[in-house]
C-alpha atoms as a PDB file:
ATOM      1  CA  MET A   1     -10.583 -18.887   8.934  1.00  0.00           C
ATOM      2  CA  LEU A   2     -10.006 -15.617   6.430  1.00  0.00           C
ATOM      3  CA  ILE A   3     -13.739 -16.387   4.835  1.00  0.00           C
ATOM      4  CA  THR A   4     -15.359 -16.321   7.810  1.00  0.00           C
ATOM      5  CA  ILE A   5     -13.464 -12.353   8.835  1.00  0.00           C
ATOM      6  CA  ALA A   6     -14.166 -11.095   5.247  1.00  0.00           C
ATOM      7  CA  THR A   7     -17.434 -12.061   5.582  1.00  0.00           C
ATOM      8  CA  GLN A   8     -17.930 -10.227   8.816  1.00  0.00           C
ATOM      9  CA  PHE A   9     -16.687  -7.875   7.747  1.00  0.00           C
ATOM     10  CA  CYS A  10     -18.642  -7.249   4.548  1.00  0.00           C
ATOM     11  CA  VAL A  11     -21.613  -7.766   6.508  1.00  0.00           C
ATOM     12  CA  LEU A  12     -20.313  -5.011   9.288  1.00  0.00           C
ATOM     13  CA  LYS A  13     -19.617  -2.491   6.317  1.00  0.00           C
ATOM     14  CA  LYS A  14     -23.445  -3.146   4.384  1.00  0.00           C
ATOM     15  CA  ILE A  15     -21.390  -3.911   1.930  1.00  0.00           C
ATOM     16  CA  GLU A  16     -24.301  -6.759   0.812  1.00  0.00           C
ATOM     17  CA  ASP A  17     -26.134  -9.695   2.739  1.00  0.00           C
ATOM     18  CA  LYS A  18     -23.864 -12.696   4.661  1.00  0.00           C
ATOM     19  CA  PRO A  19     -24.531 -14.565   2.015  1.00  0.00           C
ATOM     20  CA  VAL A  20     -24.054 -12.642  -0.893  1.00  0.00           C
ATOM     21  CA  CYS A  21     -20.844 -11.887   0.711  1.00  0.00           C
ATOM     22  CA  LYS A  22     -20.161 -15.428   1.369  1.00  0.00           C
ATOM     23  CA  GLY A  23     -20.505 -16.669  -1.989  1.00  0.00           C
ATOM     24  CA  ALA A  24     -18.119 -13.481  -2.974  1.00  0.00           C
ATOM     25  CA  ILE A  25     -15.422 -14.302  -0.827  1.00  0.00           C
ATOM     26  CA  THR A  26     -15.515 -17.888  -1.754  1.00  0.00           C
ATOM     27  CA  GLU A  27     -15.309 -16.888  -5.356  1.00  0.00           C
ATOM     28  CA  MET A  28     -12.440 -14.403  -4.965  1.00  0.00           C
ATOM     29  CA  ILE A  29     -10.313 -15.664  -1.910  1.00  0.00           C
ATOM     30  CA  ASN A  30      -7.586 -17.092  -4.569  1.00  0.00           C
ATOM     31  CA  TYR A  31      -7.198 -13.910  -5.927  1.00  0.00           C
ATOM     32  CA  ILE A  32      -7.400 -11.408  -2.301  1.00  0.00           C
ATOM     33  CA  VAL A  33      -4.985 -13.535  -0.899  1.00  0.00           C
ATOM     34  CA  THR A  34      -2.201 -13.302  -3.275  1.00  0.00           C
ATOM     35  CA  SER A  35      -3.200  -9.717  -3.463  1.00  0.00           C
ATOM     36  CA  LEU A  36      -2.828  -8.822  -0.056  1.00  0.00           C
ATOM     37  CA  TRP A  37       0.577 -11.055   0.142  1.00  0.00           C
ATOM     38  CA  ALA A  38       1.681  -8.862  -3.294  1.00  0.00           C
ATOM     39  CA  HIS A  39       0.898  -5.703  -1.784  1.00  0.00           C
ATOM     40  CA  ILE A  40       2.683  -6.487   2.243  1.00  0.00           C
ATOM     41  CA  PHE A  41       5.343  -8.390   0.987  1.00  0.00           C
ATOM     42  CA  ASP A  42       6.307  -6.277  -1.571  1.00  0.00           C
ATOM     43  CA  PRO A  43      10.037  -4.875  -1.267  1.00  0.00           C
ATOM     44  CA  HIS A  44       9.338  -1.646  -1.884  1.00  0.00           C
ATOM     45  CA  LEU A  45       6.157  -1.020   0.292  1.00  0.00           C
ATOM     46  CA  ALA A  46       8.038  -3.256   2.919  1.00  0.00           C
ATOM     47  CA  CYS A  47      11.866  -2.018   2.792  1.00  0.00           C
ATOM     48  CA  HIS A  48      10.224   1.615   4.404  1.00  0.00           C
ATOM     49  CA  LYS A  49       8.355  -0.394   7.074  1.00  0.00           C
ATOM     50  CA  ILE A  50      11.708  -2.323   8.488  1.00  0.00           C
ATOM     51  CA  ARG A  51      13.953   0.333   7.655  1.00  0.00           C
ATOM     52  CA  LEU A  52      16.611  -1.747   5.765  1.00  0.00           C
ATOM     53  CA  CYS A  53      16.005   0.125   2.193  1.00  0.00           C
ATOM     54  CA  PRO A  54      18.983   1.021   0.130  1.00  0.00           C
ATOM     55  CA  LYS A  55      19.848   4.558  -0.329  1.00  0.00           C
ATOM     56  CA  GLU A  56      17.989   5.385  -4.008  1.00  0.00           C
ATOM     57  CA  TYR A  57      14.766   3.780  -1.970  1.00  0.00           C
ATOM     58  CA  ASP A  58      14.539   6.600   1.392  1.00  0.00           C
ATOM     59  CA  ILE A  59      12.157   8.644   1.196  1.00  0.00           C
ATOM     60  CA  LEU A  60      12.136  11.994   0.688  1.00  0.00           C
ATOM     61  CA  THR A  61       9.633  15.042   1.954  1.00  0.00           C
ATOM     62  CA  LEU A  62       8.821  17.834  -0.271  1.00  0.00           C
ATOM     63  CA  ALA A  63      11.813  19.994   1.300  1.00  0.00           C
ATOM     64  CA  ASP A  64      14.260  18.547   0.402  1.00  0.00           C
ATOM     65  CA  TYR A  65      13.190  17.972  -3.106  1.00  0.00           C
ATOM     66  CA  ALA A  66      13.039  21.289  -3.531  1.00  0.00           C
ATOM     67  CA  LYS A  67      16.651  21.985  -2.203  1.00  0.00           C
ATOM     68  CA  ASP A  68      17.778  19.206  -3.857  1.00  0.00           C
ATOM     69  CA  VAL A  69      16.486  20.936  -7.071  1.00  0.00           C
ATOM     70  CA  LEU A  70      17.000  24.325  -6.450  1.00  0.00           C
ATOM     71  CA  ALA A  71      20.914  23.384  -5.259  1.00  0.00           C
ATOM     72  CA  GLY A  72      21.967  23.895  -8.743  1.00  0.00           C
ATOM     73  CA  LYS A  73      19.871  27.040  -9.566  1.00  0.00           C
ATOM     74  CA  PRO A  74      23.027  29.745 -11.396  1.00  0.00           C
ATOM     75  CA  ASN A  75      22.943  33.258  -9.131  1.00  0.00           C
ATOM     76  CA  LYS A  76      20.883  36.176 -10.905  1.00  0.00           C
ATOM     77  CA  THR A  77      22.696  38.374 -11.458  1.00  0.00           C
ATOM     78  CA  GLN A  78      20.127  42.147 -11.325  1.00  0.00           C
END
């Protein structure tokens, strides 16, 4: 089923014609599935999606990062 879906996607995106897409996907299906599995279920990626990350993995905004960096800045006397 995955080969059929991937083949249709390949054909719809006009990457190659159907026989070439099917052949390439059939040859590479083990690598494709392994790569997708590792990417989707990567603990660093998944913990943000389900909001169960430990404190050190919280996503910071640029403003938060700049505030943290400038917090230790000494006052300058004129």
